[in-house]
Amino acid sequence: MKDILTRDDIILLVDSFYTKVKEDELLAPKFQHLDWPKHLPTMYNFWSSMLLGEQSYQGNPFQKHLPLSINAHLFDRWLKLFTQTVDNHFSGSKADETKSRAQSIAGVWQHKMGLMN
């Protein structure tokens, strides 16, 4: 397997991940309101900015997720699906960085939401 090196790799990661999210019994209800054609390019930009230095993302992802009433169990499920998606498609230092960043994001957000001590 190859590493995450291009925007096309990011698109594969994001599309594959959200396919799993849309089918997941716990996560799907939290994301059913999304305008997917609008949301997916935003996620491509977010992860391309995080991993490839594109600086294509503008916004505050934390604020946008606050109204979703996400609990610690849902964060665990999100992280598990995300990590599985990375592992199913990629291998290498950037793939490891991607999983580490996702874990960091989940931890910081849970802390900000008061879900962690």
PDB file of N, CA and C in Angstrom:
ATOM      1  N   MET A   1       0.851  -1.193   0.000  1.00  0.00           N
ATOM      2  CA  MET A   1       0.000   0.000   0.000  1.00  0.00           C
ATOM      3  C   MET A   1       0.884   1.239   0.000  1.00  0.00           C
ATOM      4  N   LYS A   2       0.355   2.264  -0.600  1.00  0.00           N
ATOM      5  CA  LYS A   2       1.109   3.514  -0.661  1.00  0.00           C
ATOM      6  C   LYS A   2       0.716   4.452   0.476  1.00  0.00           C
ATOM      7  N   ASP A   3       1.509   5.483   0.647  1.00  0.00           N
ATOM      8  CA  ASP A   3       1.259   6.472   1.677  1.00  0.00           C
ATOM      9  C   ASP A   3       0.298   7.544   1.150  1.00  0.00           C
ATOM     10  N   ILE A   4      -0.138   8.420   2.022  1.00  0.00           N
ATOM     11  CA  ILE A   4      -0.991   9.558   1.652  1.00  0.00           C
ATOM     12  C   ILE A   4      -0.069  10.683   1.184  1.00  0.00           C
ATOM     13  N   LEU A   5      -0.088  10.952  -0.115  1.00  0.00           N
ATOM     14  CA  LEU A   5       0.855  11.913  -0.671  1.00  0.00           C
ATOM     15  C   LEU A   5       0.221  13.011  -1.516  1.00  0.00           C
ATOM     16  N   THR A   6      -1.005  12.786  -1.981  1.00  0.00           N
ATOM     17  CA  THR A   6      -1.620  13.730  -2.912  1.00  0.00           C
ATOM     18  C   THR A   6      -3.058  14.057  -2.490  1.00  0.00           C
ATOM     19  N   ARG A   7      -3.612  15.063  -3.123  1.00  0.00           N
ATOM     20  CA  ARG A   7      -5.021  15.406  -2.883  1.00  0.00           C
ATOM     21  C   ARG A   7      -5.927  14.243  -3.291  1.00  0.00           C
ATOM     22  N   ASP A   8      -5.578  13.529  -4.339  1.00  0.00           N
ATOM     23  CA  ASP A   8      -6.371  12.356  -4.734  1.00  0.00           C
ATOM     24  C   ASP A   8      -6.396  11.311  -3.616  1.00  0.00           C
ATOM     25  N   ASP A   9      -5.284  11.168  -2.915  1.00  0.00           N
ATOM     26  CA  ASP A   9      -5.250  10.253  -1.766  1.00  0.00           C
ATOM     27  C   ASP A   9      -6.191  10.739  -0.669  1.00  0.00           C
ATOM     28  N   ILE A  10      -6.200  12.043  -0.432  1.00  0.00           N
ATOM     29  CA  ILE A  10      -7.101  12.629   0.566  1.00  0.00           C
ATOM     30  C   ILE A  10      -8.551  12.374   0.168  1.00  0.00           C
ATOM     31  N   ILE A  11      -8.863  12.567  -1.099  1.00  0.00           N
ATOM     32  CA  ILE A  11     -10.233  12.343  -1.584  1.00  0.00           C
ATOM     33  C   ILE A  11     -10.641  10.887  -1.368  1.00  0.00           C
ATOM     34  N   LEU A  12      -9.753   9.952  -1.673  1.00  0.00           N
ATOM     35  CA  LEU A  12     -10.045   8.540  -1.439  1.00  0.00           C
ATOM     36  C   LEU A  12     -10.291   8.282   0.042  1.00  0.00           C
ATOM     37  N   LEU A  13      -9.449   8.837   0.894  1.00  0.00           N
ATOM     38  CA  LEU A  13      -9.610   8.662   2.334  1.00  0.00           C
ATOM     39  C   LEU A  13     -10.951   9.211   2.813  1.00  0.00           C
ATOM     40  N   VAL A  14     -11.239  10.448   2.465  1.00  0.00           N
ATOM     41  CA  VAL A  14     -12.468  11.105   2.936  1.00  0.00           C
ATOM     42  C   VAL A  14     -13.703  10.394   2.395  1.00  0.00           C
ATOM     43  N   ASP A  15     -13.722  10.104   1.105  1.00  0.00           N
ATOM     44  CA  ASP A  15     -14.886   9.425   0.517  1.00  0.00           C
ATOM     45  C   ASP A  15     -15.102   8.049   1.146  1.00  0.00           C
ATOM     46  N   SER A  16     -14.022   7.310   1.327  1.00  0.00           N
ATOM     47  CA  SER A  16     -14.135   5.972   1.925  1.00  0.00           C
ATOM     48  C   SER A  16     -14.617   6.052   3.372  1.00  0.00           C
ATOM     49  N   PHE A  17     -14.086   7.021   4.107  1.00  0.00           N
ATOM     50  CA  PHE A  17     -14.493   7.186   5.497  1.00  0.00           C
ATOM     51  C   PHE A  17     -15.969   7.541   5.603  1.00  0.00           C
ATOM     52  N   TYR A  18     -16.407   8.527   4.839  1.00  0.00           N
ATOM     53  CA  TYR A  18     -17.805   8.938   4.962  1.00  0.00           C
ATOM     54  C   TYR A  18     -18.778   7.903   4.409  1.00  0.00           C
ATOM     55  N   THR A  19     -18.335   7.040   3.521  1.00  0.00           N
ATOM     56  CA  THR A  19     -19.168   5.916   3.114  1.00  0.00           C
ATOM     57  C   THR A  19     -19.444   5.035   4.328  1.00  0.00           C
ATOM     58  N   LYS A  20     -18.402   4.801   5.139  1.00  0.00           N
ATOM     59  CA  LYS A  20     -18.582   4.014   6.364  1.00  0.00           C
ATOM     60  C   LYS A  20     -19.480   4.744   7.362  1.00  0.00           C
ATOM     61  N   VAL A  21     -19.271   6.045   7.502  1.00  0.00           N
ATOM     62  CA  VAL A  21     -20.076   6.838   8.440  1.00  0.00           C
ATOM     63  C   VAL A  21     -21.556   6.756   8.070  1.00  0.00           C
ATOM     64  N   LYS A  22     -21.856   6.910   6.790  1.00  0.00           N
ATOM     65  CA  LYS A  22     -23.254   6.894   6.337  1.00  0.00           C
ATOM     66  C   LYS A  22     -23.930   5.553   6.574  1.00  0.00           C
ATOM     67  N   GLU A  23     -23.134   4.488   6.700  1.00  0.00           N
ATOM     68  CA  GLU A  23     -23.678   3.147   6.928  1.00  0.00           C
ATOM     69  C   GLU A  23     -23.642   2.733   8.395  1.00  0.00           C
ATOM     70  N   ASP A  24     -23.014   3.540   9.235  1.00  0.00           N
ATOM     71  CA  ASP A  24     -22.843   3.175  10.639  1.00  0.00           C
ATOM     72  C   ASP A  24     -24.100   3.521  11.443  1.00  0.00           C
ATOM     73  N   GLU A  25     -24.572   2.562  12.223  1.00  0.00           N
ATOM     74  CA  GLU A  25     -25.825   2.755  12.970  1.00  0.00           C
ATOM     75  C   GLU A  25     -25.726   3.860  14.021  1.00  0.00           C
ATOM     76  N   LEU A  26     -24.545   4.096  14.570  1.00  0.00           N
ATOM     77  CA  LEU A  26     -24.402   5.145  15.583  1.00  0.00           C
ATOM     78  C   LEU A  26     -24.110   6.519  14.974  1.00  0.00           C
ATOM     79  N   LEU A  27     -23.250   6.552  13.970  1.00  0.00           N
ATOM     80  CA  LEU A  27     -22.822   7.829  13.409  1.00  0.00           C
ATOM     81  C   LEU A  27     -23.761   8.377  12.338  1.00  0.00           C
ATOM     82  N   ALA A  28     -24.362   7.513  11.559  1.00  0.00           N
ATOM     83  CA  ALA A  28     -25.208   7.967  10.445  1.00  0.00           C
ATOM     84  C   ALA A  28     -26.271   8.981  10.867  1.00  0.00           C
ATOM     85  N   PRO A  29     -26.975   8.762  11.975  1.00  0.00           N
ATOM     86  CA  PRO A  29     -28.002   9.752  12.358  1.00  0.00           C
ATOM     87  C   PRO A  29     -27.442  11.149  12.635  1.00  0.00           C
ATOM     88  N   LYS A  30     -26.196  11.233  13.086  1.00  0.00           N
ATOM     89  CA  LYS A  30     -25.593  12.535  13.379  1.00  0.00           C
ATOM     90  C   LYS A  30     -25.200  13.288  12.113  1.00  0.00           C
ATOM     91  N   PHE A  31     -25.070  12.565  11.018  1.00  0.00           N
ATOM     92  CA  PHE A  31     -24.603  13.169   9.778  1.00  0.00           C
ATOM     93  C   PHE A  31     -25.671  13.198   8.683  1.00  0.00           C
ATOM     94  N   GLN A  32     -26.882  12.741   8.988  1.00  0.00           N
ATOM     95  CA  GLN A  32     -27.917  12.637   7.956  1.00  0.00           C
ATOM     96  C   GLN A  32     -28.365  13.990   7.414  1.00  0.00           C
ATOM     97  N   HIS A  33     -28.165  15.057   8.163  1.00  0.00           N
ATOM     98  CA  HIS A  33     -28.598  16.394   7.749  1.00  0.00           C
ATOM     99  C   HIS A  33     -27.630  17.055   6.767  1.00  0.00           C
ATOM    100  N   LEU A  34     -26.473  16.456   6.565  1.00  0.00           N
ATOM    101  CA  LEU A  34     -25.441  17.110   5.767  1.00  0.00           C
ATOM    102  C   LEU A  34     -25.791  17.203   4.292  1.00  0.00           C
ATOM    103  N   ASP A  35     -25.364  18.288   3.711  1.00  0.00           N
ATOM    104  CA  ASP A  35     -25.383  18.440   2.259  1.00  0.00           C
ATOM    105  C   ASP A  35     -24.054  17.854   1.775  1.00  0.00           C
ATOM    106  N   TRP A  36     -24.060  16.571   1.434  1.00  0.00           N
ATOM    107  CA  TRP A  36     -22.822  15.855   1.124  1.00  0.00           C
ATOM    108  C   TRP A  36     -22.025  16.487  -0.016  1.00  0.00           C
ATOM    109  N   PRO A  37     -22.659  16.926  -1.111  1.00  0.00           N
ATOM    110  CA  PRO A  37     -21.858  17.557  -2.173  1.00  0.00           C
ATOM    111  C   PRO A  37     -21.120  18.821  -1.712  1.00  0.00           C
ATOM    112  N   LYS A  38     -21.639  19.463  -0.681  1.00  0.00           N
ATOM    113  CA  LYS A  38     -20.962  20.635  -0.130  1.00  0.00           C
ATOM    114  C   LYS A  38     -19.947  20.236   0.943  1.00  0.00           C
ATOM    115  N   HIS A  39     -20.308  19.264   1.770  1.00  0.00           N
ATOM    116  CA  HIS A  39     -19.469  18.870   2.901  1.00  0.00           C
ATOM    117  C   HIS A  39     -18.171  18.177   2.462  1.00  0.00           C
ATOM    118  N   LEU A  40     -18.259  17.276   1.505  1.00  0.00           N
ATOM    119  CA  LEU A  40     -17.076  16.499   1.129  1.00  0.00           C
ATOM    120  C   LEU A  40     -15.920  17.370   0.634  1.00  0.00           C
ATOM    121  N   PRO A  41     -16.146  18.340  -0.252  1.00  0.00           N
ATOM    122  CA  PRO A  41     -15.023  19.209  -0.642  1.00  0.00           C
ATOM    123  C   PRO A  41     -14.432  19.985   0.537  1.00  0.00           C
ATOM    124  N   THR A  42     -15.260  20.330   1.509  1.00  0.00           N
ATOM    125  CA  THR A  42     -14.752  20.996   2.710  1.00  0.00           C
ATOM    126  C   THR A  42     -13.804  20.058   3.454  1.00  0.00           C
ATOM    127  N   MET A  43     -14.164  18.791   3.549  1.00  0.00           N
ATOM    128  CA  MET A  43     -13.305  17.812   4.210  1.00  0.00           C
ATOM    129  C   MET A  43     -12.032  17.551   3.411  1.00  0.00           C
ATOM    130  N   TYR A  44     -12.137  17.541   2.082  1.00  0.00           N
ATOM    131  CA  TYR A  44     -10.923  17.412   1.261  1.00  0.00           C
ATOM    132  C   TYR A  44      -9.972  18.561   1.580  1.00  0.00           C
ATOM    133  N   ASN A  45     -10.523  19.766   1.657  1.00  0.00           N
ATOM    134  CA  ASN A  45      -9.694  20.937   1.960  1.00  0.00           C
ATOM    135  C   ASN A  45      -9.107  20.862   3.366  1.00  0.00           C
ATOM    136  N   PHE A  46      -9.924  20.442   4.334  1.00  0.00           N
ATOM    137  CA  PHE A  46      -9.449  20.340   5.715  1.00  0.00           C
ATOM    138  C   PHE A  46      -8.248  19.399   5.803  1.00  0.00           C
ATOM    139  N   TRP A  47      -8.417  18.173   5.316  1.00  0.00           N
ATOM    140  CA  TRP A  47      -7.338  17.190   5.437  1.00  0.00           C
ATOM    141  C   TRP A  47      -6.162  17.513   4.522  1.00  0.00           C
ATOM    142  N   SER A  48      -6.410  18.112   3.372  1.00  0.00           N
ATOM    143  CA  SER A  48      -5.296  18.533   2.509  1.00  0.00           C
ATOM    144  C   SER A  48      -4.489  19.630   3.180  1.00  0.00           C
ATOM    145  N   SER A  49      -5.154  20.517   3.892  1.00  0.00           N
ATOM    146  CA  SER A  49      -4.453  21.568   4.631  1.00  0.00           C
ATOM    147  C   SER A  49      -3.649  20.967   5.781  1.00  0.00           C
ATOM    148  N   MET A  50      -4.263  20.042   6.507  1.00  0.00           N
ATOM    149  CA  MET A  50      -3.606  19.420   7.659  1.00  0.00           C
ATOM    150  C   MET A  50      -2.387  18.584   7.255  1.00  0.00           C
ATOM    151  N   LEU A  51      -2.540  17.829   6.180  1.00  0.00           N
ATOM    152  CA  LEU A  51      -1.524  16.825   5.846  1.00  0.00           C
ATOM    153  C   LEU A  51      -0.581  17.231   4.725  1.00  0.00           C
ATOM    154  N   LEU A  52      -1.066  18.052   3.810  1.00  0.00           N
ATOM    155  CA  LEU A  52      -0.259  18.396   2.638  1.00  0.00           C
ATOM    156  C   LEU A  52       0.180  19.849   2.616  1.00  0.00           C
ATOM    157  N   GLY A  53      -0.278  20.628   3.594  1.00  0.00           N
ATOM    158  CA  GLY A  53       0.085  22.036   3.670  1.00  0.00           C
ATOM    159  C   GLY A  53      -0.549  22.905   2.606  1.00  0.00           C
ATOM    160  N   GLU A  54      -1.688  22.485   2.065  1.00  0.00           N
ATOM    161  CA  GLU A  54      -2.339  23.221   0.975  1.00  0.00           C
ATOM    162  C   GLU A  54      -2.891  24.584   1.384  1.00  0.00           C
ATOM    163  N   GLN A  55      -3.264  24.744   2.622  1.00  0.00           N
ATOM    164  CA  GLN A  55      -3.907  25.965   3.113  1.00  0.00           C
ATOM    165  C   GLN A  55      -5.195  26.271   2.337  1.00  0.00           C
ATOM    166  N   SER A  56      -5.915  25.214   1.998  1.00  0.00           N
ATOM    167  CA  SER A  56      -7.167  25.365   1.246  1.00  0.00           C
ATOM    168  C   SER A  56      -8.387  25.404   2.155  1.00  0.00           C
ATOM    169  N   TYR A  57      -8.226  25.074   3.434  1.00  0.00           N
ATOM    170  CA  TYR A  57      -9.364  25.060   4.356  1.00  0.00           C
ATOM    171  C   TYR A  57      -9.474  26.382   5.090  1.00  0.00           C
ATOM    172  N   GLN A  58     -10.682  26.889   5.150  1.00  0.00           N
ATOM    173  CA  GLN A  58     -10.993  28.080   5.933  1.00  0.00           C
ATOM    174  C   GLN A  58     -12.225  27.750   6.762  1.00  0.00           C
ATOM    175  N   GLY A  59     -12.161  27.972   8.038  1.00  0.00           N
ATOM    176  CA  GLY A  59     -13.339  27.708   8.863  1.00  0.00           C
ATOM    177  C   GLY A  59     -12.967  27.291  10.268  1.00  0.00           C
ATOM    178  N   ASN A  60     -13.994  27.010  11.057  1.00  0.00           N
ATOM    179  CA  ASN A  60     -13.840  26.581  12.433  1.00  0.00           C
ATOM    180  C   ASN A  60     -14.584  25.259  12.602  1.00  0.00           C
ATOM    181  N   PRO A  61     -13.898  24.140  12.398  1.00  0.00           N
ATOM    182  CA  PRO A  61     -14.594  22.858  12.442  1.00  0.00           C
ATOM    183  C   PRO A  61     -15.203  22.544  13.807  1.00  0.00           C
ATOM    184  N   PHE A  62     -14.547  22.968  14.865  1.00  0.00           N
ATOM    185  CA  PHE A  62     -15.082  22.681  16.204  1.00  0.00           C
ATOM    186  C   PHE A  62     -16.470  23.294  16.380  1.00  0.00           C
ATOM    187  N   GLN A  63     -16.609  24.563  16.038  1.00  0.00           N
ATOM    188  CA  GLN A  63     -17.901  25.252  16.175  1.00  0.00           C
ATOM    189  C   GLN A  63     -18.996  24.571  15.362  1.00  0.00           C
ATOM    190  N   LYS A  64     -18.657  24.087  14.184  1.00  0.00           N
ATOM    191  CA  LYS A  64     -19.658  23.448  13.327  1.00  0.00           C
ATOM    192  C   LYS A  64     -20.137  22.114  13.886  1.00  0.00           C
ATOM    193  N   HIS A  65     -19.311  21.473  14.715  1.00  0.00           N
ATOM    194  CA  HIS A  65     -19.679  20.174  15.256  1.00  0.00           C
ATOM    195  C   HIS A  65     -20.362  20.251  16.628  1.00  0.00           C
ATOM    196  N   LEU A  66     -20.289  21.385  17.286  1.00  0.00           N
ATOM    197  CA  LEU A  66     -20.905  21.516  18.608  1.00  0.00           C
ATOM    198  C   LEU A  66     -22.391  21.156  18.638  1.00  0.00           C
ATOM    199  N   PRO A  67     -23.189  21.601  17.662  1.00  0.00           N
ATOM    200  CA  PRO A  67     -24.624  21.295  17.727  1.00  0.00           C
ATOM    201  C   PRO A  67     -24.975  19.819  17.529  1.00  0.00           C
ATOM    202  N   LEU A  68     -24.015  18.975  17.199  1.00  0.00           N
ATOM    203  CA  LEU A  68     -24.316  17.577  16.899  1.00  0.00           C
ATOM    204  C   LEU A  68     -24.543  16.712  18.135  1.00  0.00           C
ATOM    205  N   SER A  69     -24.322  17.229  19.326  1.00  0.00           N
ATOM    206  CA  SER A  69     -24.501  16.458  20.568  1.00  0.00           C
ATOM    207  C   SER A  69     -23.739  15.132  20.514  1.00  0.00           C
ATOM    208  N   ILE A  70     -22.460  15.236  20.284  1.00  0.00           N
ATOM    209  CA  ILE A  70     -21.615  14.048  20.184  1.00  0.00           C
ATOM    210  C   ILE A  70     -21.098  13.692  21.578  1.00  0.00           C
ATOM    211  N   ASN A  71     -21.172  12.408  21.913  1.00  0.00           N
ATOM    212  CA  ASN A  71     -20.657  11.956  23.202  1.00  0.00           C
ATOM    213  C   ASN A  71     -19.345  11.189  23.006  1.00  0.00           C
ATOM    214  N   ALA A  72     -18.726  10.786  24.108  1.00  0.00           N
ATOM    215  CA  ALA A  72     -17.430  10.106  24.049  1.00  0.00           C
ATOM    216  C   ALA A  72     -17.515   8.802  23.258  1.00  0.00           C
ATOM    217  N   HIS A  73     -18.616   8.086  23.388  1.00  0.00           N
ATOM    218  CA  HIS A  73     -18.779   6.828  22.650  1.00  0.00           C
ATOM    219  C   HIS A  73     -18.785   7.077  21.139  1.00  0.00           C
ATOM    220  N   LEU A  74     -19.426   8.153  20.705  1.00  0.00           N
ATOM    221  CA  LEU A  74     -19.439   8.479  19.273  1.00  0.00           C
ATOM    222  C   LEU A  74     -18.054   8.902  18.783  1.00  0.00           C
ATOM    223  N   PHE A  75     -17.304   9.613  19.622  1.00  0.00           N
ATOM    224  CA  PHE A  75     -15.931   9.954  19.252  1.00  0.00           C
ATOM    225  C   PHE A  75     -15.106   8.686  19.065  1.00  0.00           C
ATOM    226  N   ASP A  76     -15.278   7.724  19.971  1.00  0.00           N
ATOM    227  CA  ASP A  76     -14.548   6.458  19.858  1.00  0.00           C
ATOM    228  C   ASP A  76     -14.901   5.740  18.561  1.00  0.00           C
ATOM    229  N   ARG A  77     -16.184   5.736  18.226  1.00  0.00           N
ATOM    230  CA  ARG A  77     -16.619   5.080  16.999  1.00  0.00           C
ATOM    231  C   ARG A  77     -16.053   5.791  15.782  1.00  0.00           C
ATOM    232  N   TRP A  78     -16.113   7.146  15.782  1.00  0.00           N
ATOM    233  CA  TRP A  78     -15.569   7.955  14.684  1.00  0.00           C
ATOM    234  C   TRP A  78     -14.094   7.635  14.494  1.00  0.00           C
ATOM    235  N   LEU A  79     -13.344   7.626  15.584  1.00  0.00           N
ATOM    236  CA  LEU A  79     -11.909   7.392  15.514  1.00  0.00           C
ATOM    237  C   LEU A  79     -11.608   5.971  15.032  1.00  0.00           C
ATOM    238  N   LYS A  80     -12.382   5.007  15.486  1.00  0.00           N
ATOM    239  CA  LYS A  80     -12.183   3.622  15.048  1.00  0.00           C
ATOM    240  C   LYS A  80     -12.413   3.491  13.544  1.00  0.00           C
ATOM    241  N   LEU A  81     -13.516   4.054  13.052  1.00  0.00           N
ATOM    242  CA  LEU A  81     -13.794   3.987  11.610  1.00  0.00           C
ATOM    243  C   LEU A  81     -12.745   4.739  10.798  1.00  0.00           C
ATOM    244  N   PHE A  82     -12.318   5.894  11.306  1.00  0.00           N
ATOM    245  CA  PHE A  82     -11.322   6.679  10.590  1.00  0.00           C
ATOM    246  C   PHE A  82      -9.994   5.916  10.512  1.00  0.00           C
ATOM    247  N   THR A  83      -9.570   5.363  11.633  1.00  0.00           N
ATOM    248  CA  THR A  83      -8.315   4.604  11.669  1.00  0.00           C
ATOM    249  C   THR A  83      -8.393   3.390  10.753  1.00  0.00           C
ATOM    250  N   GLN A  84      -9.513   2.676  10.778  1.00  0.00           N
ATOM    251  CA  GLN A  84      -9.693   1.530   9.886  1.00  0.00           C
ATOM    252  C   GLN A  84      -9.606   1.954   8.425  1.00  0.00           C
ATOM    253  N   THR A  85     -10.196   3.087   8.107  1.00  0.00           N
ATOM    254  CA  THR A  85     -10.184   3.572   6.727  1.00  0.00           C
ATOM    255  C   THR A  85      -8.764   3.881   6.286  1.00  0.00           C
ATOM    256  N   VAL A  86      -8.014   4.563   7.128  1.00  0.00           N
ATOM    257  CA  VAL A  86      -6.615   4.840   6.799  1.00  0.00           C
ATOM    258  C   VAL A  86      -5.877   3.526   6.583  1.00  0.00           C
ATOM    259  N   ASP A  87      -6.015   2.593   7.528  1.00  0.00           N
ATOM    260  CA  ASP A  87      -5.301   1.315   7.450  1.00  0.00           C
ATOM    261  C   ASP A  87      -5.713   0.472   6.249  1.00  0.00           C
ATOM    262  N   ASN A  88      -6.959   0.603   5.806  1.00  0.00           N
ATOM    263  CA  ASN A  88      -7.433  -0.163   4.646  1.00  0.00           C
ATOM    264  C   ASN A  88      -6.837   0.317   3.329  1.00  0.00           C
ATOM    265  N   HIS A  89      -6.408   1.583   3.300  1.00  0.00           N
ATOM    266  CA  HIS A  89      -5.969   2.162   2.028  1.00  0.00           C
ATOM    267  C   HIS A  89      -4.512   2.608   1.983  1.00  0.00           C
ATOM    268  N   PHE A  90      -3.914   2.876   3.150  1.00  0.00           N
ATOM    269  CA  PHE A  90      -2.607   3.521   3.156  1.00  0.00           C
ATOM    270  C   PHE A  90      -1.677   2.933   4.204  1.00  0.00           C
ATOM    271  N   SER A  91      -0.399   3.134   3.958  1.00  0.00           N
ATOM    272  CA  SER A  91       0.632   2.730   4.895  1.00  0.00           C
ATOM    273  C   SER A  91       1.821   3.662   4.721  1.00  0.00           C
ATOM    274  N   GLY A  92       2.408   4.077   5.825  1.00  0.00           N
ATOM    275  CA  GLY A  92       3.583   4.935   5.755  1.00  0.00           C
ATOM    276  C   GLY A  92       3.529   6.039   6.789  1.00  0.00           C
ATOM    277  N   SER A  93       4.506   6.907   6.742  1.00  0.00           N
ATOM    278  CA  SER A  93       4.625   7.950   7.762  1.00  0.00           C
ATOM    279  C   SER A  93       3.471   8.946   7.713  1.00  0.00           C
ATOM    280  N   LYS A  94       3.000   9.296   6.525  1.00  0.00           N
ATOM    281  CA  LYS A  94       1.887  10.248   6.421  1.00  0.00           C
ATOM    282  C   LYS A  94       0.586   9.591   6.891  1.00  0.00           C
ATOM    283  N   ALA A  95       0.422   8.309   6.612  1.00  0.00           N
ATOM    284  CA  ALA A  95      -0.752   7.582   7.115  1.00  0.00           C
ATOM    285  C   ALA A  95      -0.723   7.551   8.646  1.00  0.00           C
ATOM    286  N   ASP A  96       0.456   7.301   9.211  1.00  0.00           N
ATOM    287  CA  ASP A  96       0.580   7.318  10.675  1.00  0.00           C
ATOM    288  C   ASP A  96       0.285   8.706  11.228  1.00  0.00           C
ATOM    289  N   GLU A  97       0.782   9.740  10.556  1.00  0.00           N
ATOM    290  CA  GLU A  97       0.507  11.113  10.979  1.00  0.00           C
ATOM    291  C   GLU A  97      -0.991  11.412  10.929  1.00  0.00           C
ATOM    292  N   THR A  98      -1.651  10.919   9.900  1.00  0.00           N
ATOM    293  CA  THR A  98      -3.086  11.137   9.746  1.00  0.00           C
ATOM    294  C   THR A  98      -3.849  10.556  10.930  1.00  0.00           C
ATOM    295  N   LYS A  99      -3.516   9.336  11.308  1.00  0.00           N
ATOM    296  CA  LYS A  99      -4.181   8.696  12.446  1.00  0.00           C
ATOM    297  C   LYS A  99      -3.862   9.438  13.741  1.00  0.00           C
ATOM    298  N   SER A 100      -2.644   9.869  13.883  1.00  0.00           N
ATOM    299  CA  SER A 100      -2.254  10.617  15.076  1.00  0.00           C
ATOM    300  C   SER A 100      -2.994  11.952  15.165  1.00  0.00           C
ATOM    301  N   ARG A 101      -3.113  12.643  14.046  1.00  0.00           N
ATOM    302  CA  ARG A 101      -3.833  13.922  14.040  1.00  0.00           C
ATOM    303  C   ARG A 101      -5.312  13.717  14.346  1.00  0.00           C
ATOM    304  N   ALA A 102      -5.903  12.670  13.799  1.00  0.00           N
ATOM    305  CA  ALA A 102      -7.311  12.381  14.086  1.00  0.00           C
ATOM    306  C   ALA A 102      -7.510  12.097  15.567  1.00  0.00           C
ATOM    307  N   GLN A 103      -6.588  11.344  16.156  1.00  0.00           N
ATOM    308  CA  GLN A 103      -6.683  11.049  17.587  1.00  0.00           C
ATOM    309  C   GLN A 103      -6.530  12.327  18.400  1.00  0.00           C
ATOM    310  N   SER A 104      -5.621  13.196  18.005  1.00  0.00           N
ATOM    311  CA  SER A 104      -5.436  14.479  18.693  1.00  0.00           C
ATOM    312  C   SER A 104      -6.680  15.345  18.599  1.00  0.00           C
ATOM    313  N   ILE A 105      -7.251  15.433  17.392  1.00  0.00           N
ATOM    314  CA  ILE A 105      -8.464  16.229  17.187  1.00  0.00           C
ATOM    315  C   ILE A 105      -9.583  15.707  18.092  1.00  0.00           C
ATOM    316  N   ALA A 106      -9.776  14.398  18.098  1.00  0.00           N
ATOM    317  CA  ALA A 106     -10.829  13.805  18.933  1.00  0.00           C
ATOM    318  C   ALA A 106     -10.587  14.116  20.407  1.00  0.00           C
ATOM    319  N   GLY A 107      -9.348  14.012  20.850  1.00  0.00           N
ATOM    320  CA  GLY A 107      -9.030  14.290  22.250  1.00  0.00           C
ATOM    321  C   GLY A 107      -9.268  15.741  22.626  1.00  0.00           C
ATOM    322  N   VAL A 108      -8.806  16.655  21.794  1.00  0.00           N
ATOM    323  CA  VAL A 108      -8.983  18.088  22.079  1.00  0.00           C
ATOM    324  C   VAL A 108     -10.465  18.436  22.091  1.00  0.00           C
ATOM    325  N   TRP A 109     -11.194  17.950  21.108  1.00  0.00           N
ATOM    326  CA  TRP A 109     -12.624  18.275  21.044  1.00  0.00           C
ATOM    327  C   TRP A 109     -13.376  17.709  22.232  1.00  0.00           C
ATOM    328  N   GLN A 110     -13.046  16.479  22.631  1.00  0.00           N
ATOM    329  CA  GLN A 110     -13.714  15.890  23.798  1.00  0.00           C
ATOM    330  C   GLN A 110     -13.412  16.711  25.046  1.00  0.00           C
ATOM    331  N   HIS A 111     -12.185  17.155  25.159  1.00  0.00           N
ATOM    332  CA  HIS A 111     -11.812  17.983  26.304  1.00  0.00           C
ATOM    333  C   HIS A 111     -12.598  19.303  26.290  1.00  0.00           C
ATOM    334  N   LYS A 112     -12.657  19.942  25.129  1.00  0.00           N
ATOM    335  CA  LYS A 112     -13.387  21.217  25.009  1.00  0.00           C
ATOM    336  C   LYS A 112     -14.871  21.042  25.278  1.00  0.00           C
ATOM    337  N   MET A 113     -15.413  19.878  24.950  1.00  0.00           N
ATOM    338  CA  MET A 113     -16.837  19.610  25.153  1.00  0.00           C
ATOM    339  C   MET A 113     -17.127  19.106  26.568  1.00  0.00           C
ATOM    340  N   GLY A 114     -16.086  18.975  27.373  1.00  0.00           N
ATOM    341  CA  GLY A 114     -16.278  18.517  28.743  1.00  0.00           C
ATOM    342  C   GLY A 114     -16.523  17.034  28.859  1.00  0.00           C
ATOM    343  N   LEU A 115     -16.088  16.280  27.871  1.00  0.00           N
ATOM    344  CA  LEU A 115     -16.304  14.827  27.893  1.00  0.00           C
ATOM    345  C   LEU A 115     -15.133  14.083  28.520  1.00  0.00           C
ATOM    346  N   MET A 116     -14.051  14.825  28.776  1.00  0.00           N
ATOM    347  CA  MET A 116     -12.864  14.232  29.400  1.00  0.00           C
ATOM    348  C   MET A 116     -12.487  15.083  30.602  1.00  0.00           C
ATOM    349  N   ASN A 117     -11.850  14.459  31.558  1.00  0.00           N
ATOM    350  CA  ASN A 117     -11.355  15.216  32.722  1.00  0.00           C
ATOM    351  C   ASN A 117      -9.932  15.657  32.491  1.00  0.00           C
TER     352      ASN A 117
END
